[in-house]
Amino acid sequence: MMGWGYGYGGMFMFFIILLVLVGIVIYFIVNSKKLKQDYGEEDALDVLKKRYAKGEISRKEYESMKKDLEQ
């Protein structure tokens, strides 16, 4: 009878476990980026662009604030 490390069955199980581990790592990487966005860790310039796109500020205000942020 063959054990875990022998034959095609052992290689198959190794690849299954490897795929599961890679999947778990990818899942946590994707979710960590998503969590950062959910908690408002945005760049100030991104917030400014969104406010301008929504019409909350005028073009003149946008340009002035953008200039201040880039200094």
N, C-alpha and C. Protein backbone atom coordinates (compact mmCIF):
# COMPACT_ATOMS: atom_id res chain seq x y z
N MET A 1 0.84 -1.18 0.00
CA MET A 1 0.00 0.00 0.00
C MET A 1 0.89 1.24 0.00
N MET A 2 0.53 2.24 -0.79
CA MET A 2 1.35 3.44 -0.91
C MET A 2 0.93 4.49 0.11
N GLY A 3 1.92 5.22 0.61
CA GLY A 3 1.65 6.29 1.56
C GLY A 3 1.44 7.62 0.85
N TRP A 4 1.44 8.71 1.61
CA TRP A 4 1.21 10.04 1.06
C TRP A 4 2.28 10.47 0.06
N GLY A 5 3.50 10.11 0.29
CA GLY A 5 4.59 10.62 -0.54
C GLY A 5 4.88 9.79 -1.76
N TYR A 6 4.08 8.78 -2.04
CA TYR A 6 4.40 7.87 -3.14
C TYR A 6 3.28 7.84 -4.18
N GLY A 7 3.68 7.67 -5.42
CA GLY A 7 2.72 7.45 -6.49
C GLY A 7 1.99 8.70 -6.93
N TYR A 8 1.06 8.49 -7.84
CA TYR A 8 0.31 9.61 -8.40
C TYR A 8 -0.68 10.21 -7.40
N GLY A 9 -1.17 9.41 -6.51
CA GLY A 9 -2.10 9.91 -5.50
C GLY A 9 -1.45 10.94 -4.59
N GLY A 10 -0.21 10.68 -4.20
CA GLY A 10 0.51 11.62 -3.35
C GLY A 10 0.83 12.91 -4.07
N MET A 11 1.21 12.81 -5.35
CA MET A 11 1.49 14.02 -6.13
C MET A 11 0.21 14.82 -6.34
N PHE A 12 -0.89 14.13 -6.59
CA PHE A 12 -2.17 14.80 -6.78
C PHE A 12 -2.57 15.58 -5.52
N MET A 13 -2.45 14.94 -4.38
CA MET A 13 -2.78 15.60 -3.11
C MET A 13 -1.87 16.79 -2.84
N PHE A 14 -0.59 16.67 -3.18
CA PHE A 14 0.35 17.77 -3.00
C PHE A 14 -0.09 18.98 -3.81
N PHE A 15 -0.46 18.75 -5.07
CA PHE A 15 -0.88 19.87 -5.93
C PHE A 15 -2.20 20.47 -5.47
N ILE A 16 -3.09 19.67 -4.97
CA ILE A 16 -4.36 20.18 -4.44
C ILE A 16 -4.09 21.08 -3.23
N ILE A 17 -3.26 20.62 -2.32
CA ILE A 17 -2.92 21.41 -1.13
C ILE A 17 -2.21 22.70 -1.54
N LEU A 18 -1.30 22.61 -2.50
CA LEU A 18 -0.59 23.79 -2.99
C LEU A 18 -1.55 24.80 -3.60
N LEU A 19 -2.50 24.35 -4.40
CA LEU A 19 -3.48 25.25 -5.00
C LEU A 19 -4.35 25.92 -3.94
N VAL A 20 -4.75 25.16 -2.92
CA VAL A 20 -5.55 25.72 -1.85
C VAL A 20 -4.76 26.81 -1.11
N LEU A 21 -3.50 26.55 -0.82
CA LEU A 21 -2.67 27.55 -0.12
C LEU A 21 -2.48 28.81 -0.96
N VAL A 22 -2.23 28.64 -2.25
CA VAL A 22 -2.09 29.80 -3.14
C VAL A 22 -3.40 30.59 -3.18
N GLY A 23 -4.52 29.90 -3.25
CA GLY A 23 -5.83 30.55 -3.23
C GLY A 23 -6.06 31.34 -1.96
N ILE A 24 -5.67 30.78 -0.84
CA ILE A 24 -5.83 31.49 0.44
C ILE A 24 -4.98 32.75 0.47
N VAL A 25 -3.74 32.66 0.01
CA VAL A 25 -2.85 33.83 -0.02
C VAL A 25 -3.44 34.92 -0.92
N ILE A 26 -3.91 34.54 -2.11
CA ILE A 26 -4.50 35.51 -3.02
C ILE A 26 -5.75 36.15 -2.40
N TYR A 27 -6.56 35.36 -1.75
CA TYR A 27 -7.76 35.87 -1.08
C TYR A 27 -7.42 36.95 -0.05
N PHE A 28 -6.41 36.69 0.77
CA PHE A 28 -6.05 37.66 1.79
C PHE A 28 -5.40 38.91 1.20
N ILE A 29 -4.66 38.78 0.13
CA ILE A 29 -4.06 39.94 -0.52
C ILE A 29 -5.16 40.84 -1.09
N VAL A 30 -6.13 40.25 -1.77
CA VAL A 30 -7.22 41.02 -2.36
C VAL A 30 -8.05 41.68 -1.28
N ASN A 31 -8.36 40.96 -0.23
CA ASN A 31 -9.18 41.53 0.84
C ASN A 31 -8.45 42.59 1.64
N SER A 32 -7.14 42.50 1.78
CA SER A 32 -6.43 43.53 2.53
C SER A 32 -6.46 44.85 1.77
N LYS A 33 -6.38 44.80 0.44
CA LYS A 33 -6.49 46.02 -0.35
C LYS A 33 -7.90 46.59 -0.26
N LYS A 34 -8.88 45.71 -0.27
CA LYS A 34 -10.27 46.14 -0.18
C LYS A 34 -10.54 46.79 1.18
N LEU A 35 -10.00 46.23 2.25
CA LEU A 35 -10.20 46.77 3.59
C LEU A 35 -9.58 48.16 3.71
N LYS A 36 -8.41 48.36 3.12
CA LYS A 36 -7.78 49.67 3.16
C LYS A 36 -8.65 50.71 2.50
N GLN A 37 -9.28 50.37 1.39
CA GLN A 37 -10.16 51.30 0.70
C GLN A 37 -11.41 51.56 1.51
N ASP A 38 -11.93 50.54 2.18
CA ASP A 38 -13.14 50.69 2.98
C ASP A 38 -12.92 51.61 4.18
N TYR A 39 -11.73 51.63 4.71
CA TYR A 39 -11.45 52.45 5.88
C TYR A 39 -10.99 53.85 5.52
N GLY A 40 -11.11 54.24 4.27
CA GLY A 40 -10.86 55.61 3.87
C GLY A 40 -9.40 55.97 3.73
N GLU A 41 -8.55 55.02 3.49
CA GLU A 41 -7.14 55.31 3.31
C GLU A 41 -6.88 55.71 1.86
N GLU A 42 -7.51 56.81 1.46
CA GLU A 42 -7.35 57.31 0.11
C GLU A 42 -6.35 58.45 0.11
N ASP A 43 -5.76 58.65 -1.01
CA ASP A 43 -4.87 59.78 -1.23
C ASP A 43 -5.74 61.04 -1.25
N ALA A 44 -5.22 62.14 -0.72
CA ALA A 44 -5.97 63.39 -0.68
C ALA A 44 -6.33 63.86 -2.08
N LEU A 45 -5.46 63.63 -3.03
CA LEU A 45 -5.73 64.03 -4.41
C LEU A 45 -6.89 63.22 -4.99
N ASP A 46 -6.99 61.95 -4.63
CA ASP A 46 -8.12 61.13 -5.08
C ASP A 46 -9.44 61.67 -4.54
N VAL A 47 -9.44 62.05 -3.28
CA VAL A 47 -10.64 62.62 -2.67
C VAL A 47 -11.02 63.91 -3.38
N LEU A 48 -10.03 64.73 -3.67
CA LEU A 48 -10.28 65.99 -4.37
C LEU A 48 -10.87 65.74 -5.75
N LYS A 49 -10.32 64.78 -6.48
CA LYS A 49 -10.85 64.45 -7.81
C LYS A 49 -12.29 63.98 -7.73
N LYS A 50 -12.61 63.17 -6.71
CA LYS A 50 -13.98 62.69 -6.56
C LYS A 50 -14.94 63.83 -6.24
N ARG A 51 -14.50 64.74 -5.39
CA ARG A 51 -15.36 65.88 -5.05
C ARG A 51 -15.63 66.75 -6.28
N TYR A 52 -14.61 66.93 -7.11
CA TYR A 52 -14.78 67.71 -8.33
C TYR A 52 -15.71 66.98 -9.30
N ALA A 53 -15.54 65.67 -9.42
CA ALA A 53 -16.37 64.88 -10.32
C ALA A 53 -17.84 64.89 -9.88
N LYS A 54 -18.07 64.92 -8.58
CA LYS A 54 -19.45 64.95 -8.07
C LYS A 54 -20.07 66.34 -8.18
N GLY A 55 -19.25 67.36 -8.47
CA GLY A 55 -19.76 68.72 -8.57
C GLY A 55 -19.82 69.44 -7.24
N GLU A 56 -19.15 68.92 -6.23
CA GLU A 56 -19.16 69.56 -4.91
C GLU A 56 -18.31 70.82 -4.88
N ILE A 57 -17.30 70.89 -5.75
CA ILE A 57 -16.43 72.07 -5.82
C ILE A 57 -16.30 72.52 -7.27
N SER A 58 -16.02 73.80 -7.45
CA SER A 58 -15.87 74.35 -8.80
C SER A 58 -14.48 74.04 -9.34
N ARG A 59 -14.29 74.30 -10.63
CA ARG A 59 -12.99 74.07 -11.26
C ARG A 59 -11.92 74.95 -10.62
N LYS A 60 -12.29 76.19 -10.31
CA LYS A 60 -11.34 77.12 -9.69
C LYS A 60 -10.90 76.59 -8.31
N GLU A 61 -11.85 76.12 -7.52
CA GLU A 61 -11.53 75.56 -6.21
C GLU A 61 -10.66 74.31 -6.37
N TYR A 62 -11.02 73.46 -7.35
CA TYR A 62 -10.26 72.24 -7.60
C TYR A 62 -8.81 72.56 -7.93
N GLU A 63 -8.61 73.49 -8.87
CA GLU A 63 -7.24 73.85 -9.28
C GLU A 63 -6.45 74.43 -8.10
N SER A 64 -7.10 75.26 -7.31
CA SER A 64 -6.43 75.87 -6.15
C SER A 64 -6.01 74.80 -5.11
N MET A 65 -6.93 73.91 -4.81
CA MET A 65 -6.65 72.86 -3.82
C MET A 65 -5.61 71.87 -4.35
N LYS A 66 -5.68 71.57 -5.63
CA LYS A 66 -4.72 70.66 -6.24
C LYS A 66 -3.31 71.27 -6.16
N LYS A 67 -3.22 72.54 -6.44
CA LYS A 67 -1.93 73.23 -6.37
C LYS A 67 -1.37 73.17 -4.95
N ASP A 68 -2.23 73.39 -3.96
CA ASP A 68 -1.81 73.32 -2.56
C ASP A 68 -1.31 71.93 -2.19
N LEU A 69 -1.99 70.89 -2.67
CA LEU A 69 -1.61 69.51 -2.34
C LEU A 69 -0.30 69.10 -2.99
N GLU A 70 -0.03 69.62 -4.17
CA GLU A 70 1.18 69.21 -4.89
C GLU A 70 2.43 69.92 -4.39
N GLN A 71 2.30 70.86 -3.53
CA GLN A 71 3.47 71.58 -2.99
C GLN A 71 4.20 70.78 -1.97
